[in-house]
PDB file of N, CA and C in Angstrom:
ATOM      1  N   MET A   1     -75.486-112.543-121.621  1.00  0.00           N
ATOM      2  CA  MET A   1     -74.374-112.790-122.507  1.00  0.00           C
ATOM      3  C   MET A   1     -73.679-111.464-122.784  1.00  0.00           C
ATOM      4  N   ILE A   2     -72.384-111.435-122.594  1.00  0.00           N
ATOM      5  CA  ILE A   2     -71.543-110.280-122.887  1.00  0.00           C
ATOM      6  C   ILE A   2     -70.638-110.670-124.048  1.00  0.00           C
ATOM      7  N   THR A   3     -70.484-109.761-125.003  1.00  0.00           N
ATOM      8  CA  THR A   3     -69.594-109.994-126.138  1.00  0.00           C
ATOM      9  C   THR A   3     -68.427-109.029-126.035  1.00  0.00           C
ATOM     10  N   VAL A   4     -67.223-109.544-126.250  1.00  0.00           N
ATOM     11  CA  VAL A   4     -66.027-108.706-126.256  1.00  0.00           C
ATOM     12  C   VAL A   4     -65.517-108.634-127.687  1.00  0.00           C
ATOM     13  N   GLN A   5     -65.311-107.415-128.153  1.00  0.00           N
ATOM     14  CA  GLN A   5     -64.742-107.185-129.483  1.00  0.00           C
ATOM     15  C   GLN A   5     -63.255-106.895-129.316  1.00  0.00           C
ATOM     16  N   ILE A   6     -62.442-107.642-130.037  1.00  0.00           N
ATOM     17  CA  ILE A   6     -60.986-107.491-129.998  1.00  0.00           C
ATOM     18  C   ILE A   6     -60.556-106.874-131.322  1.00  0.00           C
ATOM     19  N   THR A   7     -59.688-105.876-131.268  1.00  0.00           N
ATOM     20  CA  THR A   7     -59.256-105.204-132.491  1.00  0.00           C
ATOM     21  C   THR A   7     -57.736-105.140-132.567  1.00  0.00           C
ATOM     22  N   GLY A   8     -57.261-104.736-133.730  1.00  0.00           N
ATOM     23  CA  GLY A   8     -55.840-104.490-133.938  1.00  0.00           C
ATOM     24  C   GLY A   8     -54.976-105.720-133.722  1.00  0.00           C
ATOM     25  N   PHE A   9     -53.761-105.468-133.251  1.00  0.00           N
ATOM     26  CA  PHE A   9     -52.787-106.541-133.051  1.00  0.00           C
ATOM     27  C   PHE A   9     -53.224-107.547-131.997  1.00  0.00           C
ATOM     28  N   LEU A  10     -54.204-107.194-131.179  1.00  0.00           N
ATOM     29  CA  LEU A  10     -54.670-108.111-130.139  1.00  0.00           C
ATOM     30  C   LEU A  10     -55.281-109.380-130.720  1.00  0.00           C
ATOM     31  N   THR A  11     -55.736-109.317-131.964  1.00  0.00           N
ATOM     32  CA  THR A  11     -56.301-110.529-132.573  1.00  0.00           C
ATOM     33  C   THR A  11     -55.226-111.587-132.800  1.00  0.00           C
ATOM     34  N   ASP A  12     -53.973-111.176-132.875  1.00  0.00           N
ATOM     35  CA  ASP A  12     -52.890-112.166-132.974  1.00  0.00           C
ATOM     36  C   ASP A  12     -52.828-113.003-131.700  1.00  0.00           C
ATOM     37  N   ILE A  13     -53.142-112.399-130.587  1.00  0.00           N
ATOM     38  CA  ILE A  13     -53.077-113.075-129.286  1.00  0.00           C
ATOM     39  C   ILE A  13     -54.360-113.857-129.005  1.00  0.00           C
ATOM     40  N   SER A  14     -55.457-113.448-129.624  1.00  0.00           N
ATOM     41  CA  SER A  14     -56.740-114.126-129.397  1.00  0.00           C
ATOM     42  C   SER A  14     -57.004-115.198-130.456  1.00  0.00           C
ATOM     43  N   ALA A  15     -55.935-115.670-131.078  1.00  0.00           N
ATOM     44  CA  ALA A  15     -56.047-116.724-132.098  1.00  0.00           C
ATOM     45  C   ALA A  15     -56.961-116.292-133.245  1.00  0.00           C
ATOM     46  N   GLY A  16     -56.934-115.001-133.552  1.00  0.00           N
ATOM     47  CA  GLY A  16     -57.727-114.493-134.664  1.00  0.00           C
ATOM     48  C   GLY A  16     -59.175-114.175-134.325  1.00  0.00           C
ATOM     49  N   GLU A  17     -59.593-114.499-133.115  1.00  0.00           N
ATOM     50  CA  GLU A  17     -60.977-114.206-132.722  1.00  0.00           C
ATOM     51  C   GLU A  17     -61.147-112.704-132.547  1.00  0.00           C
ATOM     52  N   ARG A  18     -62.162-112.161-133.180  1.00  0.00           N
ATOM     53  CA  ARG A  18     -62.446-110.731-133.068  1.00  0.00           C
ATOM     54  C   ARG A  18     -63.681-110.465-132.212  1.00  0.00           C
ATOM     55  N   SER A  19     -64.560-111.426-132.146  1.00  0.00           N
ATOM     56  CA  SER A  19     -65.790-111.301-131.372  1.00  0.00           C
ATOM     57  C   SER A  19     -65.895-112.529-130.470  1.00  0.00           C
ATOM     58  N   ILE A  20     -65.823-112.300-129.161  1.00  0.00           N
ATOM     59  CA  ILE A  20     -65.785-113.399-128.203  1.00  0.00           C
ATOM     60  C   ILE A  20     -66.978-113.280-127.262  1.00  0.00           C
ATOM     61  N   VAL A  21     -67.813-114.289-127.269  1.00  0.00           N
ATOM     62  CA  VAL A  21     -68.969-114.334-126.367  1.00  0.00           C
ATOM     63  C   VAL A  21     -68.500-115.001-125.081  1.00  0.00           C
ATOM     64  N   LEU A  22     -68.725-114.322-123.967  1.00  0.00           N
ATOM     65  CA  LEU A  22     -68.274-114.828-122.673  1.00  0.00           C
ATOM     66  C   LEU A  22     -69.347-115.673-122.008  1.00  0.00           C
ATOM     67  N   ASP A  23     -68.919-116.767-121.431  1.00  0.00           N
ATOM     68  CA  ASP A  23     -69.800-117.581-120.610  1.00  0.00           C
ATOM     69  C   ASP A  23     -69.888-116.941-119.236  1.00  0.00           C
ATOM     70  N   GLY A  24     -70.960-117.187-118.539  1.00  0.00           N
ATOM     71  CA  GLY A  24     -71.105-116.640-117.203  1.00  0.00           C
ATOM     72  C   GLY A  24     -71.888-115.343-117.220  1.00  0.00           C
ATOM     73  N   SER A  25     -71.962-114.733-116.057  1.00  0.00           N
ATOM     74  CA  SER A  25     -72.726-113.494-115.903  1.00  0.00           C
ATOM     75  C   SER A  25     -71.873-112.456-115.172  1.00  0.00           C
ATOM     76  N   PRO A  26     -70.877-111.904-115.847  1.00  0.00           N
ATOM     77  CA  PRO A  26     -70.050-110.895-115.178  1.00  0.00           C
ATOM     78  C   PRO A  26     -70.879-109.664-114.834  1.00  0.00           C
ATOM     79  N   ARG A  27     -70.550-109.040-113.714  1.00  0.00           N
ATOM     80  CA  ARG A  27     -71.279-107.849-113.275  1.00  0.00           C
ATOM     81  C   ARG A  27     -70.541-106.563-113.625  1.00  0.00           C
ATOM     82  N   THR A  28     -69.204-106.674-113.799  1.00  0.00           N
ATOM     83  CA  THR A  28     -68.395-105.500-114.098  1.00  0.00           C
ATOM     84  C   THR A  28     -67.460-105.795-115.267  1.00  0.00           C
ATOM     85  N   VAL A  29     -66.859-104.757-115.787  1.00  0.00           N
ATOM     86  CA  VAL A  29     -65.864-104.930-116.842  1.00  0.00           C
ATOM     87  C   VAL A  29     -64.717-105.801-116.328  1.00  0.00           C
ATOM     88  N   GLY A  30     -64.286-105.572-115.098  1.00  0.00           N
ATOM     89  CA  GLY A  30     -63.212-106.385-114.517  1.00  0.00           C
ATOM     90  C   GLY A  30     -63.568-107.859-114.468  1.00  0.00           C
ATOM     91  N   ASP A  31     -64.808-108.169-114.092  1.00  0.00           N
ATOM     92  CA  ASP A  31     -65.271-109.565-114.072  1.00  0.00           C
ATOM     93  C   ASP A  31     -65.243-110.154-115.475  1.00  0.00           C
ATOM     94  N   ALA A  32     -65.704-109.376-116.444  1.00  0.00           N
ATOM     95  CA  ALA A  32     -65.732-109.849-117.832  1.00  0.00           C
ATOM     96  C   ALA A  32     -64.315-110.101-118.343  1.00  0.00           C
ATOM     97  N   LEU A  33     -63.407-109.190-118.012  1.00  0.00           N
ATOM     98  CA  LEU A  33     -62.029-109.380-118.457  1.00  0.00           C
ATOM     99  C   LEU A  33     -61.396-110.606-117.811  1.00  0.00           C
ATOM    100  N   ALA A  34     -61.733-110.890-116.565  1.00  0.00           N
ATOM    101  CA  ALA A  34     -61.223-112.100-115.912  1.00  0.00           C
ATOM    102  C   ALA A  34     -61.659-113.346-116.687  1.00  0.00           C
ATOM    103  N   LEU A  35     -62.893-113.353-117.170  1.00  0.00           N
ATOM    104  CA  LEU A  35     -63.361-114.473-117.996  1.00  0.00           C
ATOM    105  C   LEU A  35     -62.603-114.521-119.319  1.00  0.00           C
ATOM    106  N   LEU A  36     -62.325-113.354-119.879  1.00  0.00           N
ATOM    107  CA  LEU A  36     -61.564-113.289-121.128  1.00  0.00           C
ATOM    108  C   LEU A  36     -60.151-113.799-120.922  1.00  0.00           C
ATOM    109  N   TRP A  37     -59.503-113.410-119.800  1.00  0.00           N
ATOM    110  CA  TRP A  37     -58.134-113.877-119.532  1.00  0.00           C
ATOM    111  C   TRP A  37     -58.098-115.398-119.386  1.00  0.00           C
ATOM    112  N   ALA A  38     -59.147-115.984-118.826  1.00  0.00           N
ATOM    113  CA  ALA A  38     -59.201-117.440-118.686  1.00  0.00           C
ATOM    114  C   ALA A  38     -59.193-118.120-120.051  1.00  0.00           C
ATOM    115  N   ARG A  39     -59.745-117.450-121.021  1.00  0.00           N
ATOM    116  CA  ARG A  39     -59.823-118.005-122.378  1.00  0.00           C
ATOM    117  C   ARG A  39     -58.599-117.665-123.219  1.00  0.00           C
ATOM    118  N   HIS A  40     -58.076-116.453-123.043  1.00  0.00           N
ATOM    119  CA  HIS A  40     -56.912-115.975-123.800  1.00  0.00           C
ATOM    120  C   HIS A  40     -55.974-115.252-122.831  1.00  0.00           C
ATOM    121  N   ALA A  41     -55.224-116.017-122.063  1.00  0.00           N
ATOM    122  CA  ALA A  41     -54.378-115.468-121.000  1.00  0.00           C
ATOM    123  C   ALA A  41     -53.384-114.422-121.505  1.00  0.00           C
ATOM    124  N   GLY A  42     -52.899-114.565-122.719  1.00  0.00           N
ATOM    125  CA  GLY A  42     -51.918-113.639-123.252  1.00  0.00           C
ATOM    126  C   GLY A  42     -52.423-112.221-123.429  1.00  0.00           C
ATOM    127  N   LEU A  43     -53.717-112.038-123.496  1.00  0.00           N
ATOM    128  CA  LEU A  43     -54.276-110.698-123.655  1.00  0.00           C
ATOM    129  C   LEU A  43     -54.081-109.842-122.409  1.00  0.00           C
ATOM    130  N   ARG A  44     -54.062-110.472-121.258  1.00  0.00           N
ATOM    131  CA  ARG A  44     -54.005-109.723-120.005  1.00  0.00           C
ATOM    132  C   ARG A  44     -52.848-108.735-119.980  1.00  0.00           C
ATOM    133  N   ASP A  45     -51.647-109.198-120.264  1.00  0.00           N
ATOM    134  CA  ASP A  45     -50.473-108.329-120.178  1.00  0.00           C
ATOM    135  C   ASP A  45     -50.470-107.227-121.225  1.00  0.00           C
ATOM    136  N   ARG A  46     -51.228-107.386-122.281  1.00  0.00           N
ATOM    137  CA  ARG A  46     -51.309-106.349-123.316  1.00  0.00           C
ATOM    138  C   ARG A  46     -52.364-105.296-123.004  1.00  0.00           C
ATOM    139  N   VAL A  47     -53.307-105.645-122.126  1.00  0.00           N
ATOM    140  CA  VAL A  47     -54.434-104.756-121.837  1.00  0.00           C
ATOM    141  C   VAL A  47     -54.271-104.066-120.477  1.00  0.00           C
ATOM    142  N   VAL A  48     -53.787-104.781-119.477  1.00  0.00           N
ATOM    143  CA  VAL A  48     -53.624-104.196-118.148  1.00  0.00           C
ATOM    144  C   VAL A  48     -52.177-104.328-117.685  1.00  0.00           C
ATOM    145  N   THR A  49     -51.804-103.460-116.737  1.00  0.00           N
ATOM    146  CA  THR A  49     -50.471-103.484-116.157  1.00  0.00           C
ATOM    147  C   THR A  49     -50.385-104.595-115.117  1.00  0.00           C
ATOM    148  N   GLU A  50     -49.180-104.773-114.559  1.00  0.00           N
ATOM    149  CA  GLU A  50     -48.998-105.760-113.501  1.00  0.00           C
ATOM    150  C   GLU A  50     -49.797-105.407-112.244  1.00  0.00           C
ATOM    151  N   ARG A  51     -50.214-104.153-112.130  1.00  0.00           N
ATOM    152  CA  ARG A  51     -51.067-103.719-111.015  1.00  0.00           C
ATOM    153  C   ARG A  51     -52.551-103.911-111.313  1.00  0.00           C
ATOM    154  N   GLY A  52     -52.860-104.382-112.509  1.00  0.00           N
ATOM    155  CA  GLY A  52     -54.245-104.607-112.888  1.00  0.00           C
ATOM    156  C   GLY A  52     -54.958-103.372-113.397  1.00  0.00           C
ATOM    157  N   GLU A  53     -54.207-102.318-113.740  1.00  0.00           N
ATOM    158  CA  GLU A  53     -54.790-101.088-114.262  1.00  0.00           C
ATOM    159  C   GLU A  53     -54.744-101.115-115.785  1.00  0.00           C
ATOM    160  N   VAL A  54     -55.745-100.553-116.417  1.00  0.00           N
ATOM    161  CA  VAL A  54     -55.775-100.513-117.885  1.00  0.00           C
ATOM    162  C   VAL A  54     -54.583 -99.699-118.373  1.00  0.00           C
ATOM    163  N   ARG A  55     -53.871-100.253-119.333  1.00  0.00           N
ATOM    164  CA  ARG A  55     -52.706 -99.561-119.884  1.00  0.00           C
ATOM    165  C   ARG A  55     -53.158 -98.248-120.536  1.00  0.00           C
ATOM    166  N   PRO A  56     -52.310 -97.215-120.460  1.00  0.00           N
ATOM    167  CA  PRO A  56     -52.685 -95.901-120.992  1.00  0.00           C
ATOM    168  C   PRO A  56     -53.010 -95.894-122.489  1.00  0.00           C
ATOM    169  N   HIS A  57     -52.404 -96.800-123.239  1.00  0.00           N
ATOM    170  CA  HIS A  57     -52.610 -96.822-124.687  1.00  0.00           C
ATOM    171  C   HIS A  57     -53.751 -97.749-125.124  1.00  0.00           C
ATOM    172  N   VAL A  58     -54.540 -98.213-124.164  1.00  0.00           N
ATOM    173  CA  VAL A  58     -55.653 -99.116-124.475  1.00  0.00           C
ATOM    174  C   VAL A  58     -56.955 -98.452-124.047  1.00  0.00           C
ATOM    175  N   GLY A  59     -57.917 -98.433-124.959  1.00  0.00           N
ATOM    176  CA  GLY A  59     -59.247 -97.944-124.638  1.00  0.00           C
ATOM    177  C   GLY A  59     -60.195 -99.112-124.483  1.00  0.00           C
ATOM    178  N   ILE A  60     -60.999 -99.073-123.447  1.00  0.00           N
ATOM    179  CA  ILE A  60     -62.018-100.103-123.245  1.00  0.00           C
ATOM    180  C   ILE A  60     -63.370 -99.392-123.173  1.00  0.00           C
ATOM    181  N   PHE A  61     -64.294 -99.871-123.979  1.00  0.00           N
ATOM    182  CA  PHE A  61     -65.610 -99.270-124.081  1.00  0.00           C
ATOM    183  C   PHE A  61     -66.678-100.294-123.732  1.00  0.00           C
ATOM    184  N   VAL A  62     -67.720 -99.853-123.037  1.00  0.00           N
ATOM    185  CA  VAL A  62     -68.928-100.653-122.851  1.00  0.00           C
ATOM    186  C   VAL A  62     -69.969 -99.986-123.724  1.00  0.00           C
ATOM    187  N   ASN A  63     -70.370-100.715-124.748  1.00  0.00           N
ATOM    188  CA  ASN A  63     -71.223-100.154-125.791  1.00  0.00           C
ATOM    189  C   ASN A  63     -70.470 -98.953-126.368  1.00  0.00           C
ATOM    190  N   SER A  64     -70.916 -97.746-126.207  1.00  0.00           N
ATOM    191  CA  SER A  64     -70.171 -96.605-126.759  1.00  0.00           C
ATOM    192  C   SER A  64     -69.507 -95.752-125.685  1.00  0.00           C
ATOM    193  N   ASP A  65     -69.546 -96.204-124.424  1.00  0.00           N
ATOM    194  CA  ASP A  65     -69.008 -95.417-123.313  1.00  0.00           C
ATOM    195  C   ASP A  65     -67.613 -95.885-122.908  1.00  0.00           C
ATOM    196  N   HIS A  66     -66.661 -94.957-122.908  1.00  0.00           N
ATOM    197  CA  HIS A  66     -65.296 -95.261-122.474  1.00  0.00           C
ATOM    198  C   HIS A  66     -65.320 -95.466-120.966  1.00  0.00           C
ATOM    199  N   ILE A  67     -64.721 -96.560-120.493  1.00  0.00           N
ATOM    200  CA  ILE A  67     -64.778 -96.843-119.054  1.00  0.00           C
ATOM    201  C   ILE A  67     -63.992 -95.828-118.235  1.00  0.00           C
ATOM    202  N   ARG A  68     -63.083 -95.080-118.849  1.00  0.00           N
ATOM    203  CA  ARG A  68     -62.360 -94.040-118.103  1.00  0.00           C
ATOM    204  C   ARG A  68     -63.297 -92.909-117.682  1.00  0.00           C
ATOM    205  N   HIS A  69     -64.425 -92.782-118.372  1.00  0.00           N
ATOM    206  CA  HIS A  69     -65.414 -91.761-118.033  1.00  0.00           C
ATOM    207  C   HIS A  69     -66.518 -92.333-117.138  1.00  0.00           C
ATOM    208  N   LYS A  70     -66.377 -93.583-116.775  1.00  0.00           N
ATOM    209  CA  LYS A  70     -67.343 -94.254-115.896  1.00  0.00           C
ATOM    210  C   LYS A  70     -66.613 -94.668-114.618  1.00  0.00           C
ATOM    211  N   GLN A  71     -66.722 -95.918-114.237  1.00  0.00           N
ATOM    212  CA  GLN A  71     -66.081 -96.428-113.022  1.00  0.00           C
ATOM    213  C   GLN A  71     -64.896 -97.340-113.332  1.00  0.00           C
ATOM    214  N   GLY A  72     -64.242 -97.130-114.464  1.00  0.00           N
ATOM    215  CA  GLY A  72     -63.079 -97.950-114.817  1.00  0.00           C
ATOM    216  C   GLY A  72     -63.465 -99.415-114.914  1.00  0.00           C
ATOM    217  N   LEU A  73     -62.620-100.267-114.365  1.00  0.00           N
ATOM    218  CA  LEU A  73     -62.890-101.705-114.418  1.00  0.00           C
ATOM    219  C   LEU A  73     -64.107-102.090-113.583  1.00  0.00           C
ATOM    220  N   GLY A  74     -64.555-101.190-112.721  1.00  0.00           N
ATOM    221  CA  GLY A  74     -65.757-101.429-111.929  1.00  0.00           C
ATOM    222  C   GLY A  74     -67.040-101.035-112.641  1.00  0.00           C
ATOM    223  N   THR A  75     -66.926-100.591-113.891  1.00  0.00           N
ATOM    224  CA  THR A  75     -68.103-100.215-114.665  1.00  0.00           C
ATOM    225  C   THR A  75     -69.032-101.423-114.816  1.00  0.00           C
ATOM    226  N   ALA A  76     -70.291-101.223-114.521  1.00  0.00           N
ATOM    227  CA  ALA A  76     -71.272-102.308-114.584  1.00  0.00           C
ATOM    228  C   ALA A  76     -71.531-102.734-116.025  1.00  0.00           C
ATOM    229  N   VAL A  77     -71.752-104.025-116.199  1.00  0.00           N
ATOM    230  CA  VAL A  77     -72.176-104.573-117.488  1.00  0.00           C
ATOM    231  C   VAL A  77     -73.417-105.419-117.266  1.00  0.00           C
ATOM    232  N   ALA A  78     -74.206-105.529-118.316  1.00  0.00           N
ATOM    233  CA  ALA A  78     -75.442-106.314-118.250  1.00  0.00           C
ATOM    234  C   ALA A  78     -75.520-107.195-119.492  1.00  0.00           C
ATOM    235  N   SER A  79     -76.351-108.188-119.414  1.00  0.00           N
ATOM    236  CA  SER A  79     -76.537-109.084-120.547  1.00  0.00           C
ATOM    237  C   SER A  79     -76.891-108.277-121.796  1.00  0.00           C
ATOM    238  N   GLY A  80     -76.218-108.596-122.883  1.00  0.00           N
ATOM    239  CA  GLY A  80     -76.439-107.897-124.139  1.00  0.00           C
ATOM    240  C   GLY A  80     -75.430-106.789-124.401  1.00  0.00           C
ATOM    241  N   ASP A  81     -74.656-106.411-123.378  1.00  0.00           N
ATOM    242  CA  ASP A  81     -73.648-105.372-123.568  1.00  0.00           C
ATOM    243  C   ASP A  81     -72.485-105.888-124.413  1.00  0.00           C
ATOM    244  N   GLU A  82     -71.809-104.927-125.011  1.00  0.00           N
ATOM    245  CA  GLU A  82     -70.637-105.238-125.828  1.00  0.00           C
ATOM    246  C   GLU A  82     -69.452-104.442-125.282  1.00  0.00           C
ATOM    247  N   ILE A  83     -68.370-105.156-125.003  1.00  0.00           N
ATOM    248  CA  ILE A  83     -67.133-104.532-124.552  1.00  0.00           C
ATOM    249  C   ILE A  83     -66.177-104.529-125.742  1.00  0.00           C
ATOM    250  N   THR A  84     -65.610-103.375-126.033  1.00  0.00           N
ATOM    251  CA  THR A  84     -64.633-103.269-127.111  1.00  0.00           C
ATOM    252  C   THR A  84     -63.290-102.888-126.504  1.00  0.00           C
ATOM    253  N   ILE A  85     -62.263-103.642-126.868  1.00  0.00           N
ATOM    254  CA  ILE A  85     -60.900-103.331-126.435  1.00  0.00           C
ATOM    255  C   ILE A  85     -60.174-102.788-127.650  1.00  0.00           C
ATOM    256  N   LEU A  86     -59.741-101.540-127.529  1.00  0.00           N
ATOM    257  CA  LEU A  86     -59.177-100.832-128.673  1.00  0.00           C
ATOM    258  C   LEU A  86     -57.772-100.319-128.347  1.00  0.00           C
ATOM    259  N   PRO A  87     -56.730-100.990-128.866  1.00  0.00           N
ATOM    260  CA  PRO A  87     -55.379-100.481-128.625  1.00  0.00           C
ATOM    261  C   PRO A  87     -55.144 -99.234-129.492  1.00  0.00           C
ATOM    262  N   ALA A  88     -54.388 -98.289-128.946  1.00  0.00           N
ATOM    263  CA  ALA A  88     -54.080 -97.071-129.689  1.00  0.00           C
ATOM    264  C   ALA A  88     -53.196 -97.396-130.887  1.00  0.00           C
ATOM    265  N   ILE A  89     -53.364 -96.631-131.914  1.00  0.00           N
ATOM    266  CA  ILE A  89     -52.559 -96.772-133.128  1.00  0.00           C
ATOM    267  C   ILE A  89     -51.681 -95.541-133.212  1.00  0.00           C
ATOM    268  N   SER A  90     -50.403 -95.762-133.416  1.00  0.00           N
ATOM    269  CA  SER A  90     -49.501 -94.619-133.531  1.00  0.00           C
ATOM    270  C   SER A  90     -48.564 -94.850-134.701  1.00  0.00           C
ATOM    271  N   GLY A  91     -47.913 -93.829-135.088  1.00  0.00           N
ATOM    272  CA  GLY A  91     -46.972 -93.941-136.190  1.00  0.00           C
ATOM    273  C   GLY A  91     -46.848 -92.613-136.902  1.00  0.00           C
ATOM    274  N   GLY A  92     -46.076 -92.634-137.945  1.00  0.00           N
ATOM    275  CA  GLY A  92     -45.853 -91.365-138.614  1.00  0.00           C
ATOM    276  C   GLY A  92     -46.139 -91.401-140.061  1.00  0.00           C
TER     277      GLY A  92
END
């Protein structure tokens, strides 16, 4: 079981869900996100570009590790892991 934590304005798109348990057994972050898109399709365009790359203003973490410091969307996940999607906050 993989849990995805949704934060910030993304909860508006996930129907208010902040913690989403994914069905299936994804092997990578990309696999897990594909399951998430099936459940909340609107999140895809806010998290990744049309090329399928993580948007620069979005951080994705597996447990406490940023996937940019690992294998990106190919970062391995295992049962019990938690993926956090964290959009950047800006302002003045």
